[in-house]
C-alpha atoms as a PDB file:
ATOM      1  CA  UNK A   1      17.152  -7.504  19.942  1.00  0.00           C
ATOM      2  CA  UNK A   2      20.765  -6.879  20.833  1.00  0.00           C
ATOM      3  CA  UNK A   3      22.653  -9.103  23.281  1.00  0.00           C
ATOM      4  CA  UNK A   4      23.350  -6.189  25.654  1.00  0.00           C
ATOM      5  CA  UNK A   5      19.614  -5.615  26.191  1.00  0.00           C
ATOM      6  CA  UNK A   6      19.034  -9.365  26.735  1.00  0.00           C
ATOM      7  CA  UNK A   7      21.884  -9.329  29.284  1.00  0.00           C
ATOM      8  CA  UNK A   8      20.422  -6.303  31.153  1.00  0.00           C
ATOM      9  CA  UNK A   9      16.874  -7.675  31.013  1.00  0.00           C
ATOM     10  CA  UNK A  10      18.051 -10.948  32.482  1.00  0.00           C
ATOM     11  CA  UNK A  11      19.641  -9.088  35.429  1.00  0.00           C
ATOM     12  CA  UNK A  12      16.540  -6.909  35.993  1.00  0.00           C
ATOM     13  CA  UNK A  13      14.008  -9.742  35.812  1.00  0.00           C
ATOM     14  CA  UNK A  14      16.006 -11.968  38.153  1.00  0.00           C
ATOM     15  CA  UNK A  15      16.542  -9.292  40.798  1.00  0.00           C
ATOM     16  CA  UNK A  16      12.931  -8.009  40.535  1.00  0.00           C
ATOM     17  CA  UNK A  17      11.182 -11.431  40.769  1.00  0.00           C
ATOM     18  CA  UNK A  18      13.693 -13.838  42.360  1.00  0.00           C
ATOM     19  CA  UNK A  19      15.859 -11.854  44.778  1.00  0.00           C
ATOM     20  CA  UNK A  20      13.638 -12.774  47.702  1.00  0.00           C
ATOM     21  CA  UNK A  21      13.848 -16.473  46.733  1.00  0.00           C
ATOM     22  CA  UNK A  22      17.552 -16.967  46.083  1.00  0.00           C
ATOM     23  CA  UNK A  23      20.573 -15.198  44.532  1.00  0.00           C
ATOM     24  CA  UNK A  24      22.385 -18.557  43.881  1.00  0.00           C
ATOM     25  CA  UNK A  25      21.317 -18.776  40.254  1.00  0.00           C
ATOM     26  CA  UNK A  26      21.678 -15.168  39.043  1.00  0.00           C
ATOM     27  CA  UNK A  27      24.729 -15.916  36.817  1.00  0.00           C
ATOM     28  CA  UNK A  28      23.077 -19.016  35.389  1.00  0.00           C
ATOM     29  CA  UNK A  29      19.978 -16.959  34.627  1.00  0.00           C
ATOM     30  CA  UNK A  30      21.974 -14.193  32.963  1.00  0.00           C
ATOM     31  CA  UNK A  31      23.836 -16.734  30.862  1.00  0.00           C
ATOM     32  CA  UNK A  32      20.575 -18.411  29.703  1.00  0.00           C
ATOM     33  CA  UNK A  33      19.110 -15.014  28.899  1.00  0.00           C
ATOM     34  CA  UNK A  34      21.804 -14.467  26.248  1.00  0.00           C
ATOM     35  CA  UNK A  35      22.429 -18.078  25.234  1.00  0.00           C
ATOM     36  CA  UNK A  36      20.168 -18.166  22.162  1.00  0.00           C
ATOM     37  CA  UNK A  37      22.260 -15.399  20.536  1.00  0.00           C
ATOM     38  CA  UNK A  38      25.393 -17.553  20.841  1.00  0.00           C
ATOM     39  CA  UNK A  39      24.007 -19.330  17.804  1.00  0.00           C
ATOM     40  CA  UNK A  40      26.259 -17.093  15.725  1.00  0.00           C
ATOM     41  CA  UNK A  41      28.990 -19.707  16.488  1.00  0.00           C
ATOM     42  CA  UNK A  42      26.844 -22.382  14.807  1.00  0.00           C
ATOM     43  CA  UNK A  43      26.676 -20.521  11.437  1.00  0.00           C
ATOM     44  CA  UNK A  44      29.789 -22.268   9.978  1.00  0.00           C
ATOM     45  CA  UNK A  45      28.001 -25.622  10.535  1.00  0.00           C
ATOM     46  CA  UNK A  46      25.362 -24.548   8.001  1.00  0.00           C
ATOM     47  CA  UNK A  47      27.837 -25.263   5.168  1.00  0.00           C
ATOM     48  CA  UNK A  48      28.029 -28.889   6.283  1.00  0.00           C
ATOM     49  CA  UNK A  49      24.408 -29.591   7.267  1.00  0.00           C
ATOM     50  CA  UNK A  50      22.677 -27.251   4.748  1.00  0.00           C
ATOM     51  CA  UNK A  51      20.130 -26.036   7.309  1.00  0.00           C
ATOM     52  CA  UNK A  52      18.851 -22.470   7.607  1.00  0.00           C
ATOM     53  CA  UNK A  53      18.050 -23.274  11.266  1.00  0.00           C
ATOM     54  CA  UNK A  54      21.758 -23.029  12.083  1.00  0.00           C
ATOM     55  CA  UNK A  55      21.657 -19.330  11.131  1.00  0.00           C
ATOM     56  CA  UNK A  56      21.453 -16.570  13.700  1.00  0.00           C
ATOM     57  CA  UNK A  57      17.851 -16.211  15.011  1.00  0.00           C
ATOM     58  CA  UNK A  58      17.135 -19.656  13.581  1.00  0.00           C
ATOM     59  CA  UNK A  59      16.422 -22.895  15.442  1.00  0.00           C
ATOM     60  CA  UNK A  60      17.974 -21.629  18.674  1.00  0.00           C
ATOM     61  CA  UNK A  61      15.152 -19.096  18.998  1.00  0.00           C
ATOM     62  CA  UNK A  62      12.531 -21.685  19.803  1.00  0.00           C
ATOM     63  CA  UNK A  63      10.688 -22.522  23.001  1.00  0.00           C
ATOM     64  CA  UNK A  64      10.941 -26.223  22.167  1.00  0.00           C
ATOM     65  CA  UNK A  65      14.705 -26.054  21.696  1.00  0.00           C
ATOM     66  CA  UNK A  66      14.788 -24.028  24.930  1.00  0.00           C
ATOM     67  CA  UNK A  67      13.170 -26.937  26.832  1.00  0.00           C
ATOM     68  CA  UNK A  68      15.796 -29.347  25.477  1.00  0.00           C
ATOM     69  CA  UNK A  69      18.816 -27.027  26.128  1.00  0.00           C
ATOM     70  CA  UNK A  70      17.692 -25.971  29.566  1.00  0.00           C
ATOM     71  CA  UNK A  71      17.210 -29.696  30.455  1.00  0.00           C
ATOM     72  CA  UNK A  72      20.793 -30.414  29.373  1.00  0.00           C
ATOM     73  CA  UNK A  73      22.043 -27.376  31.246  1.00  0.00           C
ATOM     74  CA  UNK A  74      20.125 -28.545  34.321  1.00  0.00           C
ATOM     75  CA  UNK A  75      21.756 -31.976  34.211  1.00  0.00           C
ATOM     76  CA  UNK A  76      25.277 -30.541  33.869  1.00  0.00           C
ATOM     77  CA  UNK A  77      24.915 -27.689  36.346  1.00  0.00           C
ATOM     78  CA  UNK A  78      23.173 -29.730  39.035  1.00  0.00           C
ATOM     79  CA  UNK A  79      25.736 -32.537  38.795  1.00  0.00           C
ATOM     80  CA  UNK A  80      28.617 -30.056  39.167  1.00  0.00           C
ATOM     81  CA  UNK A  81      27.100 -27.984  41.969  1.00  0.00           C
ATOM     82  CA  UNK A  82      24.855 -30.469  43.704  1.00  0.00           C
ATOM     83  CA  UNK A  83      21.986 -28.006  43.331  1.00  0.00           C
ATOM     84  CA  UNK A  84      18.388 -29.107  42.708  1.00  0.00           C
ATOM     85  CA  UNK A  85      18.024 -30.304  39.121  1.00  0.00           C
ATOM     86  CA  UNK A  86      14.369 -29.094  38.910  1.00  0.00           C
ATOM     87  CA  UNK A  87      15.258 -25.608  40.237  1.00  0.00           C
ATOM     88  CA  UNK A  88      18.093 -25.258  37.758  1.00  0.00           C
ATOM     89  CA  UNK A  89      15.930 -26.542  34.887  1.00  0.00           C
ATOM     90  CA  UNK A  90      13.053 -24.269  35.658  1.00  0.00           C
ATOM     91  CA  UNK A  91      15.213 -21.124  36.017  1.00  0.00           C
ATOM     92  CA  UNK A  92      17.137 -22.014  32.829  1.00  0.00           C
ATOM     93  CA  UNK A  93      13.923 -22.508  30.907  1.00  0.00           C
ATOM     94  CA  UNK A  94      12.375 -19.277  32.204  1.00  0.00           C
ATOM     95  CA  UNK A  95      15.286 -17.090  31.151  1.00  0.00           C
ATOM     96  CA  UNK A  96      15.855 -18.890  27.857  1.00  0.00           C
ATOM     97  CA  UNK A  97      12.144 -18.390  27.098  1.00  0.00           C
ATOM     98  CA  UNK A  98      12.461 -14.737  28.138  1.00  0.00           C
ATOM     99  CA  UNK A  99      15.017 -14.263  25.381  1.00  0.00           C
ATOM    100  CA  UNK A 100      12.739 -15.870  22.777  1.00  0.00           C
ATOM    101  CA  UNK A 101       9.782 -13.855  23.946  1.00  0.00           C
ATOM    102  CA  UNK A 102      11.672 -10.586  23.710  1.00  0.00           C
ATOM    103  CA  UNK A 103      12.839 -11.380  20.167  1.00  0.00           C
ATOM    104  CA  UNK A 104       9.209 -12.181  19.221  1.00  0.00           C
ATOM    105  CA  UNK A 105       8.459  -8.489  19.865  1.00  0.00           C
ATOM    106  CA  UNK A 106      10.944  -7.417  17.166  1.00  0.00           C
ATOM    107  CA  UNK A 107      10.584  -6.953  13.440  1.00  0.00           C
ATOM    108  CA  UNK A 108      12.535 -10.027  12.480  1.00  0.00           C
ATOM    109  CA  UNK A 109      10.628 -13.310  12.425  1.00  0.00           C
ATOM    110  CA  UNK A 110      11.802 -16.338  14.403  1.00  0.00           C
ATOM    111  CA  UNK A 111      10.709 -20.023  14.341  1.00  0.00           C
ATOM    112  CA  UNK A 112       9.597 -20.016  17.997  1.00  0.00           C
ATOM    113  CA  UNK A 113       8.013 -23.494  17.835  1.00  0.00           C
ATOM    114  CA  UNK A 114      10.741 -25.246  15.781  1.00  0.00           C
ATOM    115  CA  UNK A 115      10.989 -28.220  15.180  1.00  0.00           C
ATOM    116  CA  UNK A 116       7.252 -28.799  15.787  1.00  0.00           C
ATOM    117  CA  UNK A 117       6.483 -25.999  13.294  1.00  0.00           C
ATOM    118  CA  UNK A 118       8.753 -24.191  10.838  1.00  0.00           C
ATOM    119  CA  UNK A 119       6.398 -21.190  10.654  1.00  0.00           C
ATOM    120  CA  UNK A 120       8.043 -17.952  11.807  1.00  0.00           C
ATOM    121  CA  UNK A 121       6.464 -15.209  13.844  1.00  0.00           C
ATOM    122  CA  UNK A 122       7.077 -11.587  14.701  1.00  0.00           C
ATOM    123  CA  UNK A 123       4.882  -9.074  16.561  1.00  0.00           C
ATOM    124  CA  UNK A 124       6.499  -5.924  15.063  1.00  0.00           C
ATOM    125  CA  UNK A 125       6.539  -4.049  18.378  1.00  0.00           C
ATOM    126  CA  UNK A 126      10.234  -3.132  18.476  1.00  0.00           C
ATOM    127  CA  UNK A 127      12.991  -2.763  15.916  1.00  0.00           C
ATOM    128  CA  UNK A 128      15.411  -5.675  15.857  1.00  0.00           C
ATOM    129  CA  UNK A 129      18.690  -4.439  17.352  1.00  0.00           C
ATOM    130  CA  UNK A 130      17.002  -1.304  18.663  1.00  0.00           C
ATOM    131  CA  UNK A 131      19.526   1.508  19.233  1.00  0.00           C
ATOM    132  CA  UNK A 132      17.186   3.004  21.853  1.00  0.00           C
ATOM    133  CA  UNK A 133      17.140  -0.023  24.134  1.00  0.00           C
ATOM    134  CA  UNK A 134      20.816  -0.770  23.540  1.00  0.00           C
ATOM    135  CA  UNK A 135      21.877   2.745  24.607  1.00  0.00           C
ATOM    136  CA  UNK A 136      19.665   2.602  27.688  1.00  0.00           C
ATOM    137  CA  UNK A 137      21.059  -0.806  28.529  1.00  0.00           C
ATOM    138  CA  UNK A 138      24.631   0.449  28.282  1.00  0.00           C
ATOM    139  CA  UNK A 139      23.754   3.397  30.547  1.00  0.00           C
ATOM    140  CA  UNK A 140      22.259   0.989  33.071  1.00  0.00           C
ATOM    141  CA  UNK A 141      25.445  -1.142  33.180  1.00  0.00           C
ATOM    142  CA  UNK A 142      27.663   1.926  33.569  1.00  0.00           C
ATOM    143  CA  UNK A 143      25.682   3.302  36.501  1.00  0.00           C
ATOM    144  CA  UNK A 144      25.211  -0.125  38.046  1.00  0.00           C
ATOM    145  CA  UNK A 145      29.052  -0.542  37.947  1.00  0.00           C
ATOM    146  CA  UNK A 146      29.551   2.919  39.559  1.00  0.00           C
ATOM    147  CA  UNK A 147      27.115   2.132  42.365  1.00  0.00           C
ATOM    148  CA  UNK A 148      28.685  -1.236  43.083  1.00  0.00           C
ATOM    149  CA  UNK A 149      32.218   0.196  42.874  1.00  0.00           C
ATOM    150  CA  UNK A 150      31.306   2.886  45.449  1.00  0.00           C
ATOM    151  CA  UNK A 151      29.630   0.328  47.741  1.00  0.00           C
ATOM    152  CA  UNK A 152      26.362   2.233  48.003  1.00  0.00           C
ATOM    153  CA  UNK A 153      23.659   1.150  50.404  1.00  0.00           C
ATOM    154  CA  UNK A 154      21.568  -1.851  49.292  1.00  0.00           C
ATOM    155  CA  UNK A 155      18.485   0.329  49.444  1.00  0.00           C
ATOM    156  CA  UNK A 156      19.855   2.710  46.735  1.00  0.00           C
ATOM    157  CA  UNK A 157      20.988  -0.220  44.644  1.00  0.00           C
ATOM    158  CA  UNK A 158      17.510  -1.777  44.824  1.00  0.00           C
ATOM    159  CA  UNK A 159      15.857   1.610  44.075  1.00  0.00           C
ATOM    160  CA  UNK A 160      18.092   2.053  40.950  1.00  0.00           C
ATOM    161  CA  UNK A 161      17.318  -1.481  39.700  1.00  0.00           C
ATOM    162  CA  UNK A 162      13.554  -1.065  40.347  1.00  0.00           C
ATOM    163  CA  UNK A 163      13.461   2.247  38.505  1.00  0.00           C
ATOM    164  CA  UNK A 164      15.086   0.704  35.420  1.00  0.00           C
ATOM    165  CA  UNK A 165      12.862  -2.385  35.611  1.00  0.00           C
ATOM    166  CA  UNK A 166       9.725  -0.292  35.610  1.00  0.00           C
ATOM    167  CA  UNK A 167      11.165   1.897  32.869  1.00  0.00           C
ATOM    168  CA  UNK A 168      11.578  -1.117  30.540  1.00  0.00           C
ATOM    169  CA  UNK A 169       8.232  -2.645  31.494  1.00  0.00           C
ATOM    170  CA  UNK A 170       6.448   0.651  30.786  1.00  0.00           C
ATOM    171  CA  UNK A 171       8.406   1.111  27.581  1.00  0.00           C
ATOM    172  CA  UNK A 172       7.457  -2.268  26.157  1.00  0.00           C
ATOM    173  CA  UNK A 173       3.805  -1.962  27.299  1.00  0.00           C
ATOM    174  CA  UNK A 174       3.590   1.386  25.568  1.00  0.00           C
ATOM    175  CA  UNK A 175       5.069  -0.167  22.403  1.00  0.00           C
ATOM    176  CA  UNK A 176       2.648  -3.136  22.569  1.00  0.00           C
ATOM    177  CA  UNK A 177      -0.491  -1.122  23.273  1.00  0.00           C
ATOM    178  CA  UNK A 178       0.199   1.548  20.694  1.00  0.00           C
ATOM    179  CA  UNK A 179       0.889  -1.043  18.058  1.00  0.00           C
ATOM    180  CA  UNK A 180      -2.337  -2.916  18.822  1.00  0.00           C
ATOM    181  CA  UNK A 181      -4.428   0.286  18.765  1.00  0.00           C
ATOM    182  CA  UNK A 182      -2.879   1.624  15.573  1.00  0.00           C
ATOM    183  CA  UNK A 183      -3.036  -1.589  13.567  1.00  0.00           C
ATOM    184  CA  UNK A 184      -6.453  -2.841  14.806  1.00  0.00           C
ATOM    185  CA  UNK A 185      -8.236  -1.412  11.716  1.00  0.00           C
ATOM    186  CA  UNK A 186      -5.570  -2.106   9.145  1.00  0.00           C
ATOM    187  CA  UNK A 187      -6.396  -3.658   5.799  1.00  0.00           C
ATOM    188  CA  UNK A 188      -4.549  -6.754   4.565  1.00  0.00           C
ATOM    189  CA  UNK A 189      -2.308  -4.631   2.369  1.00  0.00           C
ATOM    190  CA  UNK A 190      -1.172  -2.393   5.251  1.00  0.00           C
ATOM    191  CA  UNK A 191       1.645  -2.994   7.667  1.00  0.00           C
ATOM    192  CA  UNK A 192       2.833  -1.342  10.879  1.00  0.00           C
ATOM    193  CA  UNK A 193       6.518  -0.828  11.473  1.00  0.00           C
ATOM    194  CA  UNK A 194       7.935   0.666  14.707  1.00  0.00           C
ATOM    195  CA  UNK A 195      10.383   3.559  14.688  1.00  0.00           C
ATOM    196  CA  UNK A 196      13.702   3.912  16.531  1.00  0.00           C
ATOM    197  CA  UNK A 197      11.983   5.942  19.249  1.00  0.00           C
ATOM    198  CA  UNK A 198       8.679   4.730  20.772  1.00  0.00           C
ATOM    199  CA  UNK A 199       6.717   7.743  19.536  1.00  0.00           C
ATOM    200  CA  UNK A 200       7.460   7.238  15.811  1.00  0.00           C
ATOM    201  CA  UNK A 201       6.153   4.611  13.462  1.00  0.00           C
ATOM    202  CA  UNK A 202       5.707   3.831   9.768  1.00  0.00           C
ATOM    203  CA  UNK A 203       2.649   2.580   7.897  1.00  0.00           C
ATOM    204  CA  UNK A 204       3.369   0.732   4.653  1.00  0.00           C
ATOM    205  CA  UNK A 205       0.584   0.386   1.996  1.00  0.00           C
ATOM    206  CA  UNK A 206       1.185  -2.022  -0.906  1.00  0.00           C
ATOM    207  CA  UNK A 207      -1.055  -2.996  -3.850  1.00  0.00           C
ATOM    208  CA  UNK A 208      -0.645  -5.032  -6.974  1.00  0.00           C
ATOM    209  CA  UNK A 209      -3.478  -4.819  -9.501  1.00  0.00           C
ATOM    210  CA  UNK A 210      -2.641  -6.744 -12.676  1.00  0.00           C
ATOM    211  CA  UNK A 211       0.573  -5.074 -13.975  1.00  0.00           C
ATOM    212  CA  UNK A 212       0.320  -1.953 -11.752  1.00  0.00           C
ATOM    213  CA  UNK A 213       2.241  -1.717  -8.483  1.00  0.00           C
ATOM    214  CA  UNK A 214       1.450   1.077  -6.086  1.00  0.00           C
ATOM    215  CA  UNK A 215       2.938   1.661  -2.654  1.00  0.00           C
ATOM    216  CA  UNK A 216       3.153   4.362  -0.041  1.00  0.00           C
ATOM    217  CA  UNK A 217       5.274   4.825   3.076  1.00  0.00           C
ATOM    218  CA  UNK A 218       3.755   7.077   5.811  1.00  0.00           C
ATOM    219  CA  UNK A 219       6.096   8.148   8.582  1.00  0.00           C
ATOM    220  CA  UNK A 220       4.145   9.405  11.592  1.00  0.00           C
ATOM    221  CA  UNK A 221       4.383  10.411  15.219  1.00  0.00           C
ATOM    222  CA  UNK A 222       1.930   9.823  18.095  1.00  0.00           C
ATOM    223  CA  UNK A 223       2.112  13.488  18.993  1.00  0.00           C
ATOM    224  CA  UNK A 224       1.715  15.080  15.586  1.00  0.00           C
ATOM    225  CA  UNK A 225      -0.951  15.038  12.841  1.00  0.00           C
ATOM    226  CA  UNK A 226       1.561  15.731  10.154  1.00  0.00           C
ATOM    227  CA  UNK A 227       3.087  12.874   8.245  1.00  0.00           C
ATOM    228  CA  UNK A 228       5.957  12.298   5.817  1.00  0.00           C
ATOM    229  CA  UNK A 229       4.511  10.379   2.922  1.00  0.00           C
ATOM    230  CA  UNK A 230       6.256   8.840  -0.062  1.00  0.00           C
ATOM    231  CA  UNK A 231       4.063   7.389  -2.823  1.00  0.00           C
ATOM    232  CA  UNK A 232       5.346   5.358  -5.773  1.00  0.00           C
ATOM    233  CA  UNK A 233       3.294   3.921  -8.664  1.00  0.00           C
ATOM    234  CA  UNK A 234       4.760   1.760 -11.469  1.00  0.00           C
ATOM    235  CA  UNK A 235       3.177   0.098 -14.459  1.00  0.00           C
ATOM    236  CA  UNK A 236       5.123  -2.904 -15.676  1.00  0.00           C
ATOM    237  CA  UNK A 237       5.106  -4.699 -19.025  1.00  0.00           C
ATOM    238  CA  UNK A 238       4.380  -8.421 -19.102  1.00  0.00           C
ATOM    239  CA  UNK A 239       8.110  -9.218 -19.370  1.00  0.00           C
ATOM    240  CA  UNK A 240       8.980  -6.799 -16.502  1.00  0.00           C
ATOM    241  CA  UNK A 241       6.313  -8.310 -14.305  1.00  0.00           C
ATOM    242  CA  UNK A 242       7.788 -11.781 -14.968  1.00  0.00           C
ATOM    243  CA  UNK A 243      11.221 -10.481 -13.884  1.00  0.00           C
ATOM    244  CA  UNK A 244       9.728  -8.976 -10.760  1.00  0.00           C
ATOM    245  CA  UNK A 245       8.116 -12.282  -9.872  1.00  0.00           C
ATOM    246  CA  UNK A 246      11.504 -13.966 -10.363  1.00  0.00           C
ATOM    247  CA  UNK A 247      13.172 -11.503  -8.019  1.00  0.00           C
ATOM    248  CA  UNK A 248      10.399 -11.927  -5.397  1.00  0.00           C
ATOM    249  CA  UNK A 249      10.937 -15.669  -5.544  1.00  0.00           C
ATOM    250  CA  UNK A 250      14.677 -15.240  -5.055  1.00  0.00           C
ATOM    251  CA  UNK A 251      14.053 -13.084  -1.963  1.00  0.00           C
ATOM    252  CA  UNK A 252      11.526 -15.527  -0.554  1.00  0.00           C
ATOM    253  CA  UNK A 253      14.038 -18.391  -0.892  1.00  0.00           C
ATOM    254  CA  UNK A 254      16.700 -16.413   1.086  1.00  0.00           C
ATOM    255  CA  UNK A 255      16.441 -17.147   4.824  1.00  0.00           C
ATOM    256  CA  UNK A 256      16.782 -13.506   5.973  1.00  0.00           C
ATOM    257  CA  UNK A 257      15.214 -11.579   3.042  1.00  0.00           C
ATOM    258  CA  UNK A 258      12.089 -13.737   3.397  1.00  0.00           C
ATOM    259  CA  UNK A 259      11.668 -12.394   6.963  1.00  0.00           C
ATOM    260  CA  UNK A 260      11.425  -8.765   5.897  1.00  0.00           C
ATOM    261  CA  UNK A 261       9.071  -6.394   4.060  1.00  0.00           C
ATOM    262  CA  UNK A 262      10.009  -5.885   0.447  1.00  0.00           C
ATOM    263  CA  UNK A 263       9.753  -2.444  -1.171  1.00  0.00           C
ATOM    264  CA  UNK A 264      10.393  -2.783  -4.959  1.00  0.00           C
ATOM    265  CA  UNK A 265      11.738   0.117  -7.005  1.00  0.00           C
ATOM    266  CA  UNK A 266      12.073  -0.179 -10.794  1.00  0.00           C
ATOM    267  CA  UNK A 267      14.677   1.696 -12.937  1.00  0.00           C
ATOM    268  CA  UNK A 268      14.677   1.532 -16.724  1.00  0.00           C
ATOM    269  CA  UNK A 269      17.758   2.395 -18.750  1.00  0.00           C
ATOM    270  CA  UNK A 270      18.396   1.860 -22.475  1.00  0.00           C
ATOM    271  CA  UNK A 271      19.627  -1.719 -22.197  1.00  0.00           C
ATOM    272  CA  UNK A 272      19.132  -2.573 -18.521  1.00  0.00           C
ATOM    273  CA  UNK A 273      16.051  -3.059 -16.356  1.00  0.00           C
ATOM    274  CA  UNK A 274      16.931  -2.772 -12.711  1.00  0.00           C
ATOM    275  CA  UNK A 275      14.854  -3.992  -9.714  1.00  0.00           C
ATOM    276  CA  UNK A 276      15.916  -2.636  -6.364  1.00  0.00           C
ATOM    277  CA  UNK A 277      14.448  -4.375  -3.328  1.00  0.00           C
ATOM    278  CA  UNK A 278      14.530  -2.217  -0.142  1.00  0.00           C
ATOM    279  CA  UNK A 279      13.830  -3.663   3.293  1.00  0.00           C
ATOM    280  CA  UNK A 280      11.763  -1.530   5.678  1.00  0.00           C
ATOM    281  CA  UNK A 281      12.810  -3.358   8.850  1.00  0.00           C
ATOM    282  CA  UNK A 282      16.404  -2.064   8.548  1.00  0.00           C
ATOM    283  CA  UNK A 283      15.401   1.574   7.944  1.00  0.00           C
ATOM    284  CA  UNK A 284      17.158   4.294   9.993  1.00  0.00           C
ATOM    285  CA  UNK A 285      16.509   7.950   9.144  1.00  0.00           C
ATOM    286  CA  UNK A 286      15.032   7.131   5.742  1.00  0.00           C
ATOM    287  CA  UNK A 287      18.071   4.995   4.768  1.00  0.00           C
ATOM    288  CA  UNK A 288      17.742   1.256   4.577  1.00  0.00           C
ATOM    289  CA  UNK A 289      19.430  -1.856   3.164  1.00  0.00           C
ATOM    290  CA  UNK A 290      18.690  -2.927  -0.385  1.00  0.00           C
ATOM    291  CA  UNK A 291      19.629  -5.539  -2.950  1.00  0.00           C
ATOM    292  CA  UNK A 292      19.736  -4.801  -6.668  1.00  0.00           C
ATOM    293  CA  UNK A 293      19.162  -7.058  -9.640  1.00  0.00           C
ATOM    294  CA  UNK A 294      20.085  -5.910 -13.154  1.00  0.00           C
ATOM    295  CA  UNK A 295      18.531  -7.612 -16.150  1.00  0.00           C
ATOM    296  CA  UNK A 296      19.328  -7.267 -19.829  1.00  0.00           C
ATOM    297  CA  UNK A 297      16.202  -5.896 -21.569  1.00  0.00           C
ATOM    298  CA  UNK A 298      16.751  -7.952 -24.694  1.00  0.00           C
ATOM    299  CA  UNK A 299      18.021 -11.192 -23.138  1.00  0.00           C
ATOM    300  CA  UNK A 300      15.781 -11.020 -20.019  1.00  0.00           C
ATOM    301  CA  UNK A 301      18.738 -12.573 -18.194  1.00  0.00           C
ATOM    302  CA  UNK A 302      20.322 -11.522 -14.882  1.00  0.00           C
ATOM    303  CA  UNK A 303      23.558  -9.594 -15.697  1.00  0.00           C
ATOM    304  CA  UNK A 304      24.298  -7.926 -12.385  1.00  0.00           C
ATOM    305  CA  UNK A 305      23.750  -8.051  -8.664  1.00  0.00           C
ATOM    306  CA  UNK A 306      24.561  -5.534  -5.981  1.00  0.00           C
ATOM    307  CA  UNK A 307      23.692  -4.687  -2.411  1.00  0.00           C
ATOM    308  CA  UNK A 308      24.036  -1.554  -0.296  1.00  0.00           C
ATOM    309  CA  UNK A 309      22.008   1.053   1.614  1.00  0.00           C
ATOM    310  CA  UNK A 310      20.254   4.255   0.593  1.00  0.00           C
ATOM    311  CA  UNK A 311      17.027   6.123   0.461  1.00  0.00           C
ATOM    312  CA  UNK A 312      13.955   4.578  -1.138  1.00  0.00           C
ATOM    313  CA  UNK A 313      13.570   6.471  -4.446  1.00  0.00           C
ATOM    314  CA  UNK A 314      13.255   5.808  -8.109  1.00  0.00           C
END
C-alpha cells in the first residue's frame, strides 16, 4: 500500500477514534502510521549485513518489530515532552500495527511475525500500491487543505472527515467480504487476485501434470457474467522441464519474486529456449512485469537475461 494512503488512514483513524480523548498525539500517530515504509532507507545496509529483512516490506513490517520500535519511540518522546510513556507507547504501537495490518491486505507478502517467524503472509484483498486508494487519498488531502485554509466550521470539517472515514471502511469491507465469498470454494490450484477497481478481479488456474503445464487467467466483474479468459497449454520435453524447474528455483530464491504469482510462458526458437515469467500481482490493464531467461538449446546453459513489462502471451 502506498505511503500517501497510510498517511491519510492514520489521520482518519486518529480523528475518528481518539479526537474525544486527546489531540496531543496526532502528529506522533501519523508518523508511526508511515514509519514502516521508511525502511527504504535501510536497503543500502543489506549489502553489508546480507539480510533480506532490510529490504522494503521486510522486517520493518512486523508486529513484533513494531512493539520494539514503539517502545523506543515511547522512551524518547516521553523523555522529551514529559508525556505519559505508556500513552505514547500504546498510541505508537496502535498506529504502527495499523500500517502492518493494512499491508497484510495487499497482494505482496510481509513477514508480520518476524523474527519469531520468517513465514510471510498476504490476504490478497487489495493491490499493493493501489492507484484507486492513492488517488482518493490525494483528493482527501487536497480538500482537507482547502477546508482548513478557508477556516470552515468545525462541524463541516468533522463531517468531511467522517464521510471519508466511512468511505474507506466500507471500501475495505467490500473488498474483504467479496474476496472471502468468491474464493471460499476455490481448489488448491486456483488463486484470487483483486483488480484496480473494487468490482474487478482475476482468477488464476494453474496445473502441472507430468510434463504438461496448463494455465488460465479469467478476468471478471461482480456486475457482469461475461469474462475475459486467456488459456495457455504447453508440453515440455524432459530437458525443458529441468530448465523450467531451474528458473522456478531462481525466482523462489529472490526475495521479491518469491512473494508473487508466477505465470510461465515458453518460447522456442531454432537455437534458443526462452522462459518468460510474468507476475500477476503487478498487472495493470493486461500488462505486467516479467523476467526473461534465455537458454541455449544445445548447451542447456543460461545465455541471456532480461526484464520488462508486457502482455501475457506466447
